[in-house]
Amino acid sequence: MSENEKTIQENTQTEQPKTMPGGIPMMSPTEAAEKVSKGRFKLLVPIEDGETKYDTLTYDFNKLTGWELAKAIDNGADRNANPSNVTDTQALSLFAVAAAKCTGGLDAKDIMERLSAQDAIAAISVASIFFKGSLLAGSLRITKE
């Protein structure tokens, strides 16, 4: 075997990195969707509603029904031609509905309108990861039988 062939063989057998830049672990879409499917979201800027101050929002996408999810996606003002992606507006709406269902005292509109910009960016990211990961994971459960 030539040196060139050895180098090619070694390069193709090298394990892919298990982390992304910044030390974030690589994971499958199913793992990513599961990881962000529910949790407590610590707000950088608390939401104040009268005398109540919310420092965290509890959310659980798995508590949403299919109908609630569809309405949250339809609530997004931007219509997306690609059904495998959500727009930022749709993702924010989806997060707000999931958080409102688990956080008493706030409705989805309150959450969408009162989240700070930094909190909204993070919420959009969480909802987008959940949506895309669930979409890809769901396609693995479909068979031709």
N, C-alpha and C. Protein backbone atom coordinates (compact mmCIF):
# COMPACT_ATOMS: atom_id res chain seq x y z
N MET A 1 0.86 -1.18 0.00
CA MET A 1 0.00 0.00 0.00
C MET A 1 0.91 1.24 0.00
N SER A 2 0.58 2.19 -0.86
CA SER A 2 1.39 3.40 -0.96
C SER A 2 1.14 4.29 0.25
N GLU A 3 2.04 5.26 0.48
CA GLU A 3 1.88 6.22 1.58
C GLU A 3 0.59 7.02 1.42
N ASN A 4 0.28 7.38 0.20
CA ASN A 4 -0.94 8.14 -0.07
C ASN A 4 -2.18 7.34 0.31
N GLU A 5 -2.19 6.06 -0.04
CA GLU A 5 -3.33 5.19 0.30
C GLU A 5 -3.45 5.02 1.81
N LYS A 6 -2.32 4.91 2.50
CA LYS A 6 -2.33 4.80 3.97
C LYS A 6 -2.92 6.05 4.60
N THR A 7 -2.50 7.20 4.10
CA THR A 7 -3.00 8.47 4.63
C THR A 7 -4.50 8.59 4.42
N ILE A 8 -4.96 8.23 3.24
CA ILE A 8 -6.40 8.28 2.95
C ILE A 8 -7.15 7.34 3.88
N GLN A 9 -6.65 6.13 4.07
CA GLN A 9 -7.30 5.16 4.95
C GLN A 9 -7.34 5.67 6.40
N GLU A 10 -6.24 6.24 6.88
CA GLU A 10 -6.20 6.78 8.24
C GLU A 10 -7.18 7.93 8.41
N ASN A 11 -7.26 8.79 7.40
CA ASN A 11 -8.16 9.94 7.48
C ASN A 11 -9.62 9.53 7.46
N THR A 12 -9.94 8.49 6.73
CA THR A 12 -11.34 8.06 6.66
C THR A 12 -11.74 7.28 7.90
N GLN A 13 -10.78 6.75 8.64
CA GLN A 13 -11.09 5.98 9.84
C GLN A 13 -11.04 6.84 11.10
N THR A 14 -10.64 8.08 10.98
CA THR A 14 -10.56 8.96 12.14
C THR A 14 -11.96 9.23 12.67
N GLU A 15 -12.10 9.11 13.96
CA GLU A 15 -13.41 9.37 14.58
C GLU A 15 -13.77 10.83 14.43
N GLN A 16 -15.03 11.07 14.18
CA GLN A 16 -15.53 12.44 14.11
C GLN A 16 -15.56 13.02 15.52
N PRO A 17 -15.35 14.33 15.65
CA PRO A 17 -15.38 14.92 17.00
C PRO A 17 -16.74 14.73 17.65
N LYS A 18 -16.73 14.53 18.94
CA LYS A 18 -17.96 14.31 19.69
C LYS A 18 -18.50 15.60 20.30
N THR A 19 -17.80 16.69 20.04
CA THR A 19 -18.28 17.98 20.52
C THR A 19 -18.20 19.01 19.41
N MET A 20 -19.03 20.01 19.53
CA MET A 20 -19.01 21.15 18.62
C MET A 20 -18.11 22.20 19.24
N PRO A 21 -17.81 23.27 18.49
CA PRO A 21 -17.02 24.35 19.10
C PRO A 21 -17.66 24.82 20.40
N GLY A 22 -16.82 25.13 21.35
CA GLY A 22 -17.31 25.57 22.65
C GLY A 22 -17.57 24.41 23.60
N GLY A 23 -17.25 23.18 23.17
CA GLY A 23 -17.42 22.01 24.02
C GLY A 23 -18.85 21.49 24.11
N ILE A 24 -19.74 21.97 23.23
CA ILE A 24 -21.13 21.51 23.25
C ILE A 24 -21.18 20.10 22.66
N PRO A 25 -21.75 19.13 23.38
CA PRO A 25 -21.75 17.76 22.88
C PRO A 25 -22.60 17.62 21.61
N MET A 26 -22.11 16.83 20.67
CA MET A 26 -22.86 16.50 19.46
C MET A 26 -23.96 15.51 19.88
N MET A 27 -25.11 15.61 19.25
CA MET A 27 -26.18 14.68 19.54
C MET A 27 -27.08 14.52 18.33
N SER A 28 -27.83 13.45 18.32
CA SER A 28 -28.75 13.19 17.22
C SER A 28 -29.95 14.13 17.34
N PRO A 29 -30.72 14.29 16.25
CA PRO A 29 -31.92 15.12 16.34
C PRO A 29 -32.89 14.64 17.43
N THR A 30 -32.99 13.33 17.59
CA THR A 30 -33.87 12.77 18.62
C THR A 30 -33.40 13.19 20.01
N GLU A 31 -32.09 13.09 20.24
CA GLU A 31 -31.53 13.50 21.54
C GLU A 31 -31.71 14.99 21.77
N ALA A 32 -31.50 15.78 20.72
CA ALA A 32 -31.65 17.24 20.85
C ALA A 32 -33.08 17.61 21.20
N ALA A 33 -34.05 17.00 20.49
CA ALA A 33 -35.46 17.29 20.77
C ALA A 33 -35.83 16.88 22.19
N GLU A 34 -35.33 15.73 22.62
CA GLU A 34 -35.62 15.25 23.98
C GLU A 34 -35.01 16.18 25.02
N LYS A 35 -33.79 16.63 24.75
CA LYS A 35 -33.08 17.49 25.72
C LYS A 35 -33.81 18.81 25.96
N VAL A 36 -34.40 19.38 24.92
CA VAL A 36 -35.06 20.68 25.06
C VAL A 36 -36.58 20.57 25.19
N SER A 37 -37.12 19.36 25.24
CA SER A 37 -38.58 19.18 25.23
C SER A 37 -39.28 19.79 26.45
N LYS A 38 -38.58 19.87 27.56
CA LYS A 38 -39.19 20.49 28.74
C LYS A 38 -38.08 21.02 29.64
N GLY A 39 -38.45 21.99 30.46
CA GLY A 39 -37.46 22.53 31.38
C GLY A 39 -37.92 23.81 32.04
N ARG A 40 -36.98 24.41 32.74
CA ARG A 40 -37.20 25.71 33.37
C ARG A 40 -36.28 26.70 32.67
N PHE A 41 -36.87 27.76 32.18
CA PHE A 41 -36.17 28.76 31.40
C PHE A 41 -35.92 29.97 32.29
N LYS A 42 -34.64 30.17 32.70
CA LYS A 42 -34.29 31.31 33.55
C LYS A 42 -34.24 32.56 32.70
N LEU A 43 -35.03 33.55 33.06
CA LEU A 43 -35.10 34.79 32.30
C LEU A 43 -33.98 35.75 32.69
N LEU A 44 -33.37 36.37 31.71
CA LEU A 44 -32.39 37.42 31.99
C LEU A 44 -33.09 38.67 32.50
N VAL A 45 -34.26 38.93 31.92
CA VAL A 45 -35.08 40.07 32.32
C VAL A 45 -36.43 39.53 32.79
N PRO A 46 -36.72 39.58 34.08
CA PRO A 46 -37.99 39.03 34.57
C PRO A 46 -39.20 39.70 33.92
N ILE A 47 -40.27 38.93 33.84
CA ILE A 47 -41.55 39.45 33.35
C ILE A 47 -42.37 39.84 34.57
N GLU A 48 -42.85 41.06 34.57
CA GLU A 48 -43.67 41.53 35.68
C GLU A 48 -45.11 41.65 35.23
N ASP A 49 -45.99 41.08 36.06
CA ASP A 49 -47.42 41.11 35.77
C ASP A 49 -48.11 41.60 37.04
N GLY A 50 -48.33 42.89 37.12
CA GLY A 50 -48.91 43.44 38.34
C GLY A 50 -47.92 43.30 39.48
N GLU A 51 -48.34 42.56 40.49
CA GLU A 51 -47.49 42.36 41.66
C GLU A 51 -46.62 41.11 41.53
N THR A 52 -46.84 40.32 40.50
CA THR A 52 -46.10 39.07 40.33
C THR A 52 -44.92 39.29 39.40
N LYS A 53 -43.78 38.76 39.82
CA LYS A 53 -42.55 38.86 39.03
C LYS A 53 -42.12 37.43 38.68
N TYR A 54 -41.96 37.17 37.39
CA TYR A 54 -41.56 35.85 36.91
C TYR A 54 -40.08 35.87 36.52
N ASP A 55 -39.26 35.14 37.27
CA ASP A 55 -37.83 35.03 36.97
C ASP A 55 -37.55 33.83 36.07
N THR A 56 -38.46 32.85 36.08
CA THR A 56 -38.31 31.66 35.26
C THR A 56 -39.66 31.32 34.63
N LEU A 57 -39.60 30.64 33.52
CA LEU A 57 -40.79 30.09 32.89
C LEU A 57 -40.59 28.58 32.78
N THR A 58 -41.56 27.83 33.22
CA THR A 58 -41.53 26.39 33.04
C THR A 58 -42.23 26.10 31.72
N TYR A 59 -41.65 25.22 30.92
CA TYR A 59 -42.27 24.87 29.64
C TYR A 59 -42.18 23.37 29.42
N ASP A 60 -43.10 22.83 28.64
CA ASP A 60 -43.08 21.41 28.29
C ASP A 60 -43.81 21.25 26.95
N PHE A 61 -43.04 21.10 25.88
CA PHE A 61 -43.63 20.94 24.57
C PHE A 61 -44.47 19.66 24.47
N ASN A 62 -44.12 18.64 25.25
CA ASN A 62 -44.84 17.37 25.18
C ASN A 62 -46.23 17.43 25.82
N LYS A 63 -46.51 18.49 26.57
CA LYS A 63 -47.85 18.65 27.13
C LYS A 63 -48.81 19.26 26.12
N LEU A 64 -48.27 19.78 25.02
CA LEU A 64 -49.13 20.35 23.99
C LEU A 64 -49.80 19.24 23.18
N THR A 65 -51.04 19.47 22.83
CA THR A 65 -51.71 18.55 21.91
C THR A 65 -51.30 18.92 20.49
N GLY A 66 -51.59 18.06 19.55
CA GLY A 66 -51.31 18.38 18.15
C GLY A 66 -52.04 19.63 17.71
N TRP A 67 -53.27 19.80 18.19
CA TRP A 67 -54.06 20.98 17.84
C TRP A 67 -53.43 22.25 18.39
N GLU A 68 -52.97 22.19 19.64
CA GLU A 68 -52.32 23.36 20.24
C GLU A 68 -51.04 23.72 19.49
N LEU A 69 -50.29 22.69 19.10
CA LEU A 69 -49.08 22.93 18.33
C LEU A 69 -49.41 23.58 16.98
N ALA A 70 -50.40 23.04 16.28
CA ALA A 70 -50.78 23.59 14.98
C ALA A 70 -51.25 25.03 15.10
N LYS A 71 -52.04 25.32 16.13
CA LYS A 71 -52.52 26.70 16.32
C LYS A 71 -51.36 27.64 16.64
N ALA A 72 -50.39 27.17 17.44
CA ALA A 72 -49.23 28.00 17.76
C ALA A 72 -48.42 28.29 16.50
N ILE A 73 -48.26 27.29 15.66
CA ILE A 73 -47.52 27.47 14.41
C ILE A 73 -48.30 28.40 13.48
N ASP A 74 -49.61 28.22 13.40
CA ASP A 74 -50.44 29.09 12.55
C ASP A 74 -50.50 30.51 13.08
N ASN A 75 -50.28 30.68 14.40
CA ASN A 75 -50.31 31.99 15.01
C ASN A 75 -49.16 32.86 14.51
N GLY A 76 -48.08 32.21 14.04
CA GLY A 76 -46.95 32.96 13.51
C GLY A 76 -47.39 33.76 12.30
N ALA A 77 -47.12 35.04 12.31
CA ALA A 77 -47.56 35.90 11.22
C ALA A 77 -46.88 35.55 9.90
N ASP A 78 -45.68 35.02 9.98
CA ASP A 78 -44.94 34.68 8.77
C ASP A 78 -45.34 33.27 8.33
N ARG A 79 -45.78 33.17 7.11
CA ARG A 79 -46.08 31.84 6.57
C ARG A 79 -44.81 31.29 5.96
N ASN A 80 -44.47 30.09 6.32
CA ASN A 80 -43.24 29.48 5.87
C ASN A 80 -43.56 28.47 4.77
N ALA A 81 -42.94 28.61 3.62
CA ALA A 81 -43.19 27.70 2.52
C ALA A 81 -42.56 26.34 2.76
N ASN A 82 -41.59 26.25 3.65
CA ASN A 82 -40.91 24.99 3.92
C ASN A 82 -41.46 24.39 5.21
N PRO A 83 -42.25 23.32 5.11
CA PRO A 83 -42.87 22.76 6.32
C PRO A 83 -41.89 22.10 7.28
N SER A 84 -40.63 21.93 6.87
CA SER A 84 -39.67 21.30 7.77
C SER A 84 -38.93 22.32 8.63
N ASN A 85 -39.27 23.59 8.50
CA ASN A 85 -38.66 24.64 9.32
C ASN A 85 -39.76 25.51 9.92
N VAL A 86 -39.43 26.17 10.99
CA VAL A 86 -40.34 27.16 11.56
C VAL A 86 -39.65 28.52 11.47
N THR A 87 -40.45 29.55 11.27
CA THR A 87 -39.91 30.91 11.30
C THR A 87 -39.66 31.30 12.75
N ASP A 88 -38.98 32.40 12.95
CA ASP A 88 -38.75 32.88 14.32
C ASP A 88 -40.07 33.21 15.00
N THR A 89 -41.00 33.78 14.25
CA THR A 89 -42.31 34.12 14.82
C THR A 89 -43.05 32.86 15.25
N GLN A 90 -43.01 31.84 14.41
CA GLN A 90 -43.67 30.58 14.75
C GLN A 90 -43.00 29.92 15.95
N ALA A 91 -41.67 29.94 16.00
CA ALA A 91 -40.95 29.33 17.12
C ALA A 91 -41.25 30.06 18.43
N LEU A 92 -41.29 31.38 18.38
CA LEU A 92 -41.60 32.15 19.58
C LEU A 92 -43.02 31.84 20.05
N SER A 93 -43.94 31.75 19.12
CA SER A 93 -45.32 31.40 19.46
C SER A 93 -45.40 30.01 20.07
N LEU A 94 -44.69 29.06 19.49
CA LEU A 94 -44.68 27.68 20.00
C LEU A 94 -44.13 27.64 21.43
N PHE A 95 -43.01 28.34 21.66
CA PHE A 95 -42.45 28.38 23.01
C PHE A 95 -43.42 29.03 23.99
N ALA A 96 -44.02 30.13 23.57
CA ALA A 96 -44.93 30.86 24.47
C ALA A 96 -46.14 30.01 24.86
N VAL A 97 -46.68 29.24 23.92
CA VAL A 97 -47.81 28.37 24.23
C VAL A 97 -47.39 27.27 25.20
N ALA A 98 -46.21 26.67 24.97
CA ALA A 98 -45.72 25.62 25.87
C ALA A 98 -45.44 26.17 27.26
N ALA A 99 -44.91 27.39 27.34
CA ALA A 99 -44.62 27.99 28.64
C ALA A 99 -45.90 28.43 29.36
N ALA A 100 -46.84 28.98 28.62
CA ALA A 100 -48.09 29.43 29.24
C ALA A 100 -48.87 28.26 29.82
N LYS A 101 -48.77 27.10 29.16
CA LYS A 101 -49.50 25.92 29.64
C LYS A 101 -48.94 25.43 30.98
N CYS A 102 -47.67 25.72 31.24
CA CYS A 102 -47.02 25.23 32.47
C CYS A 102 -46.79 26.32 33.51
N THR A 103 -46.87 27.58 33.10
CA THR A 103 -46.61 28.70 34.01
C THR A 103 -47.92 29.41 34.27
N GLY A 104 -48.48 29.25 35.44
CA GLY A 104 -49.74 29.90 35.77
C GLY A 104 -49.59 31.41 35.84
N GLY A 105 -50.64 32.12 35.45
CA GLY A 105 -50.66 33.56 35.59
C GLY A 105 -50.27 34.32 34.33
N LEU A 106 -49.67 33.66 33.37
CA LEU A 106 -49.29 34.30 32.11
C LEU A 106 -49.90 33.52 30.95
N ASP A 107 -50.40 34.25 29.96
CA ASP A 107 -50.84 33.55 28.75
C ASP A 107 -49.77 33.71 27.68
N ALA A 108 -49.94 33.01 26.57
CA ALA A 108 -48.93 33.01 25.52
C ALA A 108 -48.67 34.41 24.98
N LYS A 109 -49.71 35.21 24.84
CA LYS A 109 -49.54 36.57 24.32
C LYS A 109 -48.69 37.40 25.27
N ASP A 110 -48.94 37.28 26.59
CA ASP A 110 -48.12 37.98 27.59
C ASP A 110 -46.64 37.61 27.41
N ILE A 111 -46.40 36.32 27.26
CA ILE A 111 -45.01 35.85 27.16
C ILE A 111 -44.36 36.38 25.88
N MET A 112 -45.05 36.28 24.75
CA MET A 112 -44.48 36.75 23.48
C MET A 112 -44.18 38.24 23.52
N GLU A 113 -45.07 39.00 24.12
CA GLU A 113 -44.92 40.46 24.11
C GLU A 113 -43.98 40.99 25.18
N ARG A 114 -43.71 40.19 26.22
CA ARG A 114 -42.92 40.71 27.35
C ARG A 114 -41.52 40.12 27.46
N LEU A 115 -41.19 39.10 26.67
CA LEU A 115 -39.84 38.55 26.72
C LEU A 115 -38.85 39.60 26.22
N SER A 116 -37.73 39.70 26.89
CA SER A 116 -36.68 40.59 26.42
C SER A 116 -36.11 40.01 25.12
N ALA A 117 -35.36 40.81 24.40
CA ALA A 117 -34.77 40.36 23.13
C ALA A 117 -33.87 39.15 23.34
N GLN A 118 -33.00 39.19 24.34
CA GLN A 118 -32.09 38.06 24.59
C GLN A 118 -32.86 36.81 25.00
N ASP A 119 -33.87 36.97 25.84
CA ASP A 119 -34.67 35.83 26.23
C ASP A 119 -35.44 35.28 25.04
N ALA A 120 -35.94 36.15 24.18
CA ALA A 120 -36.69 35.71 22.99
C ALA A 120 -35.79 34.92 22.04
N ILE A 121 -34.56 35.37 21.86
CA ILE A 121 -33.63 34.65 20.99
C ILE A 121 -33.40 33.24 21.51
N ALA A 122 -33.20 33.11 22.81
CA ALA A 122 -32.99 31.79 23.41
C ALA A 122 -34.25 30.93 23.30
N ALA A 123 -35.42 31.52 23.53
CA ALA A 123 -36.68 30.78 23.43
C ALA A 123 -36.92 30.31 22.00
N ILE A 124 -36.62 31.16 21.03
CA ILE A 124 -36.75 30.78 19.61
C ILE A 124 -35.83 29.61 19.29
N SER A 125 -34.62 29.66 19.81
CA SER A 125 -33.66 28.57 19.59
C SER A 125 -34.17 27.25 20.17
N VAL A 126 -34.67 27.29 21.39
CA VAL A 126 -35.19 26.08 22.04
C VAL A 126 -36.35 25.49 21.24
N ALA A 127 -37.30 26.32 20.85
CA ALA A 127 -38.47 25.83 20.10
C ALA A 127 -38.06 25.31 18.73
N SER A 128 -37.12 25.98 18.07
CA SER A 128 -36.66 25.54 16.75
C SER A 128 -35.96 24.19 16.83
N ILE A 129 -35.12 24.00 17.85
CA ILE A 129 -34.44 22.72 18.04
C ILE A 129 -35.47 21.62 18.30
N PHE A 130 -36.45 21.91 19.17
CA PHE A 130 -37.49 20.92 19.45
C PHE A 130 -38.25 20.55 18.18
N PHE A 131 -38.67 21.55 17.42
CA PHE A 131 -39.46 21.30 16.21
C PHE A 131 -38.66 20.49 15.19
N LYS A 132 -37.48 20.95 14.86
CA LYS A 132 -36.66 20.28 13.84
C LYS A 132 -36.26 18.88 14.30
N GLY A 133 -35.84 18.75 15.56
CA GLY A 133 -35.46 17.43 16.08
C GLY A 133 -36.62 16.47 16.10
N SER A 134 -37.81 16.94 16.49
CA SER A 134 -39.00 16.08 16.51
C SER A 134 -39.40 15.68 15.10
N LEU A 135 -39.27 16.60 14.17
CA LEU A 135 -39.59 16.31 12.77
C LEU A 135 -38.69 15.21 12.23
N LEU A 136 -37.39 15.34 12.45
CA LEU A 136 -36.45 14.33 11.97
C LEU A 136 -36.62 13.01 12.70
N ALA A 137 -36.83 13.07 14.01
CA ALA A 137 -37.03 11.84 14.79
C ALA A 137 -38.32 11.15 14.36
N GLY A 138 -39.36 11.94 14.07
CA GLY A 138 -40.63 11.36 13.64
C GLY A 138 -40.52 10.65 12.31
N SER A 139 -39.70 11.17 11.42
CA SER A 139 -39.55 10.52 10.11
C SER A 139 -38.91 9.15 10.26
N LEU A 140 -38.16 8.93 11.33
CA LEU A 140 -37.55 7.61 11.56
C LEU A 140 -38.58 6.59 12.03
N ARG A 141 -39.73 7.04 12.51
CA ARG A 141 -40.76 6.13 13.00
C ARG A 141 -41.76 5.74 11.91
N ILE A 142 -41.60 6.27 10.72
CA ILE A 142 -42.53 5.97 9.62
C ILE A 142 -41.98 4.80 8.81
N THR A 143 -42.84 3.82 8.61
CA THR A 143 -42.45 2.65 7.81
C THR A 143 -43.38 2.54 6.61
N LYS A 144 -42.98 1.72 5.64
CA LYS A 144 -43.77 1.52 4.45
C LYS A 144 -44.80 0.42 4.63
N GLU A 145 -44.78 -0.26 5.73
CA GLU A 145 -45.68 -1.38 5.98
C GLU A 145 -47.06 -0.93 6.31
